[in-house]
Amino acid sequence: MNITLIIIGMAVITCLIKAIIFVMGDRVAFSPLLKKALAFVPVTVLTAIIVPMVLSPHGQGLELNWRNPQLIGALAAIVVCVATRRQLPTIFIGLLVFFGWQLAGSF
């Protein structure tokens, strides 16, 4: 029951925040410094989600070895991103290497 209340509470708070921003619209002006800082939020949040999953996929400490398919796939994605600067090949090659490495490790 407590988890349900927590989820409902988070949903209500999220909806309220979005509703306030939607209703206020252009009436609220952000400073240029705040706008610049807010531009980094998506990258920061995505990094905070991905890095622990890549470096410690089982939650038992760092797994910095060749048997970690998440790490190998991420490294391949980084190489493709640096070489091409294109999102679709980066995602495709990263996933291809990840699943290939995972499949090869199961034999």
C-alpha atoms as a PDB file:
ATOM      1  CA  MET A   1       0.000   0.000   0.000  1.00  0.00           C
ATOM      2  CA  ASN A   2       2.830   2.406   0.799  1.00  0.00           C
ATOM      3  CA  ILE A   3       4.406   1.913  -2.622  1.00  0.00           C
ATOM      4  CA  THR A   4       1.090   2.666  -4.311  1.00  0.00           C
ATOM      5  CA  LEU A   5       0.743   5.897  -2.323  1.00  0.00           C
ATOM      6  CA  ILE A   6       4.295   6.890  -3.189  1.00  0.00           C
ATOM      7  CA  ILE A   7       3.680   6.308  -6.905  1.00  0.00           C
ATOM      8  CA  ILE A   8       0.402   8.240  -6.790  1.00  0.00           C
ATOM      9  CA  GLY A   9       2.107  11.061  -4.892  1.00  0.00           C
ATOM     10  CA  MET A  10       4.940  11.261  -7.421  1.00  0.00           C
ATOM     11  CA  ALA A  11       2.411  11.307 -10.278  1.00  0.00           C
ATOM     12  CA  VAL A  12       0.419  14.115  -8.652  1.00  0.00           C
ATOM     13  CA  ILE A  13       3.532  16.201  -7.990  1.00  0.00           C
ATOM     14  CA  THR A  14       4.772  15.659 -11.554  1.00  0.00           C
ATOM     15  CA  CYS A  15       1.390  16.635 -13.015  1.00  0.00           C
ATOM     16  CA  LEU A  16       1.187  19.729 -10.805  1.00  0.00           C
ATOM     17  CA  ILE A  17       4.649  20.907 -11.814  1.00  0.00           C
ATOM     18  CA  LYS A  18       3.931  20.383 -15.507  1.00  0.00           C
ATOM     19  CA  ALA A  19       0.511  22.036 -15.198  1.00  0.00           C
ATOM     20  CA  ILE A  20       1.987  25.093 -13.500  1.00  0.00           C
ATOM     21  CA  ILE A  21       4.644  25.426 -16.187  1.00  0.00           C
ATOM     22  CA  PHE A  22       2.009  24.955 -18.920  1.00  0.00           C
ATOM     23  CA  VAL A  23      -0.394  27.503 -17.401  1.00  0.00           C
ATOM     24  CA  MET A  24       2.287  30.067 -16.643  1.00  0.00           C
ATOM     25  CA  GLY A  25       3.724  29.663 -20.146  1.00  0.00           C
ATOM     26  CA  ASP A  26       5.639  32.670 -21.344  1.00  0.00           C
ATOM     27  CA  ARG A  27       4.809  34.779 -18.304  1.00  0.00           C
ATOM     28  CA  VAL A  28       7.831  33.426 -16.467  1.00  0.00           C
ATOM     29  CA  ALA A  29      11.165  34.534 -17.869  1.00  0.00           C
ATOM     30  CA  PHE A  30      14.297  32.578 -17.069  1.00  0.00           C
ATOM     31  CA  SER A  31      17.657  34.264 -16.905  1.00  0.00           C
ATOM     32  CA  PRO A  32      20.132  33.408 -19.672  1.00  0.00           C
ATOM     33  CA  LEU A  33      22.365  31.652 -17.135  1.00  0.00           C
ATOM     34  CA  LEU A  34      19.485  29.440 -15.950  1.00  0.00           C
ATOM     35  CA  LYS A  35      18.504  28.650 -19.556  1.00  0.00           C
ATOM     36  CA  LYS A  36      22.074  27.634 -20.284  1.00  0.00           C
ATOM     37  CA  ALA A  37      22.200  25.460 -17.150  1.00  0.00           C
ATOM     38  CA  LEU A  38      18.865  23.793 -17.950  1.00  0.00           C
ATOM     39  CA  ALA A  39      20.167  22.814 -21.380  1.00  0.00           C
ATOM     40  CA  PHE A  40      22.534  20.350 -19.657  1.00  0.00           C
ATOM     41  CA  VAL A  41      19.823  18.584 -17.621  1.00  0.00           C
ATOM     42  CA  PRO A  42      18.881  15.896 -20.199  1.00  0.00           C
ATOM     43  CA  VAL A  43      22.512  14.930 -20.820  1.00  0.00           C
ATOM     44  CA  THR A  44      23.232  14.847 -17.107  1.00  0.00           C
ATOM     45  CA  VAL A  45      20.205  12.704 -16.282  1.00  0.00           C
ATOM     46  CA  LEU A  46      20.922  10.289 -19.125  1.00  0.00           C
ATOM     47  CA  THR A  47      24.548   9.974 -18.003  1.00  0.00           C
ATOM     48  CA  ALA A  48      23.470   9.341 -14.412  1.00  0.00           C
ATOM     49  CA  ILE A  49      21.235   6.506 -15.605  1.00  0.00           C
ATOM     50  CA  ILE A  50      23.584   4.890 -18.128  1.00  0.00           C
ATOM     51  CA  VAL A  51      26.993   4.987 -16.418  1.00  0.00           C
ATOM     52  CA  PRO A  52      26.067   2.814 -13.408  1.00  0.00           C
ATOM     53  CA  MET A  53      24.342   0.317 -15.725  1.00  0.00           C
ATOM     54  CA  VAL A  54      27.456   0.077 -17.902  1.00  0.00           C
ATOM     55  CA  LEU A  55      30.129  -0.025 -15.201  1.00  0.00           C
ATOM     56  CA  SER A  56      28.251  -2.131 -12.643  1.00  0.00           C
ATOM     57  CA  PRO A  57      25.519  -4.045 -14.479  1.00  0.00           C
ATOM     58  CA  HIS A  58      24.853  -6.488 -11.640  1.00  0.00           C
ATOM     59  CA  GLY A  59      25.177  -3.952  -8.820  1.00  0.00           C
ATOM     60  CA  GLN A  60      28.059  -5.835  -7.231  1.00  0.00           C
ATOM     61  CA  GLY A  61      30.837  -3.314  -7.845  1.00  0.00           C
ATOM     62  CA  LEU A  62      32.735  -2.297 -10.948  1.00  0.00           C
ATOM     63  CA  GLU A  63      32.983  -4.841 -13.749  1.00  0.00           C
ATOM     64  CA  LEU A  64      35.743  -3.380 -15.882  1.00  0.00           C
ATOM     65  CA  ASN A  65      36.615  -6.469 -17.915  1.00  0.00           C
ATOM     66  CA  TRP A  66      36.044  -7.870 -21.391  1.00  0.00           C
ATOM     67  CA  ARG A  67      33.211 -10.127 -20.160  1.00  0.00           C
ATOM     68  CA  ASN A  68      30.933  -7.126 -19.517  1.00  0.00           C
ATOM     69  CA  PRO A  69      28.790  -6.775 -22.682  1.00  0.00           C
ATOM     70  CA  GLN A  70      27.371  -3.421 -21.517  1.00  0.00           C
ATOM     71  CA  LEU A  71      30.866  -1.958 -21.264  1.00  0.00           C
ATOM     72  CA  ILE A  72      31.981  -3.356 -24.634  1.00  0.00           C
ATOM     73  CA  GLY A  73      28.797  -2.104 -26.336  1.00  0.00           C
ATOM     74  CA  ALA A  74      29.192   1.338 -24.756  1.00  0.00           C
ATOM     75  CA  LEU A  75      32.827   1.560 -25.867  1.00  0.00           C
ATOM     76  CA  ALA A  76      31.821   0.601 -29.410  1.00  0.00           C
ATOM     77  CA  ALA A  77      29.078   3.242 -29.337  1.00  0.00           C
ATOM     78  CA  ILE A  78      31.568   5.868 -28.159  1.00  0.00           C
ATOM     79  CA  VAL A  79      33.952   5.018 -31.007  1.00  0.00           C
ATOM     80  CA  VAL A  80      31.147   5.207 -33.590  1.00  0.00           C
ATOM     81  CA  CYS A  81      29.852   8.476 -32.115  1.00  0.00           C
ATOM     82  CA  VAL A  82      33.283  10.091 -32.228  1.00  0.00           C
ATOM     83  CA  ALA A  83      33.873   8.853 -35.781  1.00  0.00           C
ATOM     84  CA  THR A  84      30.473   9.698 -37.302  1.00  0.00           C
ATOM     85  CA  ARG A  85      28.766  12.215 -34.973  1.00  0.00           C
ATOM     86  CA  ARG A  86      25.461  10.567 -35.963  1.00  0.00           C
ATOM     87  CA  GLN A  87      22.927   9.116 -33.524  1.00  0.00           C
ATOM     88  CA  LEU A  88      21.404   6.281 -35.535  1.00  0.00           C
ATOM     89  CA  PRO A  89      24.677   4.496 -36.399  1.00  0.00           C
ATOM     90  CA  THR A  90      25.846   5.006 -32.819  1.00  0.00           C
ATOM     91  CA  ILE A  91      22.746   3.362 -31.379  1.00  0.00           C
ATOM     92  CA  PHE A  92      22.680   0.595 -34.004  1.00  0.00           C
ATOM     93  CA  ILE A  93      26.347  -0.392 -33.683  1.00  0.00           C
ATOM     94  CA  GLY A  94      26.286  -0.104 -29.887  1.00  0.00           C
ATOM     95  CA  LEU A  95      23.287  -2.436 -29.647  1.00  0.00           C
ATOM     96  CA  LEU A  96      24.691  -4.798 -32.272  1.00  0.00           C
ATOM     97  CA  VAL A  97      27.993  -5.121 -30.386  1.00  0.00           C
ATOM     98  CA  PHE A  98      26.198  -5.462 -27.038  1.00  0.00           C
ATOM     99  CA  PHE A  99      23.881  -8.252 -28.189  1.00  0.00           C
ATOM    100  CA  GLY A 100      26.655  -9.951 -30.192  1.00  0.00           C
ATOM    101  CA  TRP A 101      29.006  -9.875 -27.214  1.00  0.00           C
ATOM    102  CA  GLN A 102      26.270 -11.140 -24.903  1.00  0.00           C
ATOM    103  CA  LEU A 103      25.395 -13.961 -27.311  1.00  0.00           C
ATOM    104  CA  ALA A 104      29.053 -14.921 -27.773  1.00  0.00           C
ATOM    105  CA  GLY A 105      29.558 -14.968 -24.007  1.00  0.00           C
ATOM    106  CA  SER A 106      26.726 -17.432 -23.508  1.00  0.00           C
ATOM    107  CA  PHE A 107      28.514 -20.166 -25.511  1.00  0.00           C
END
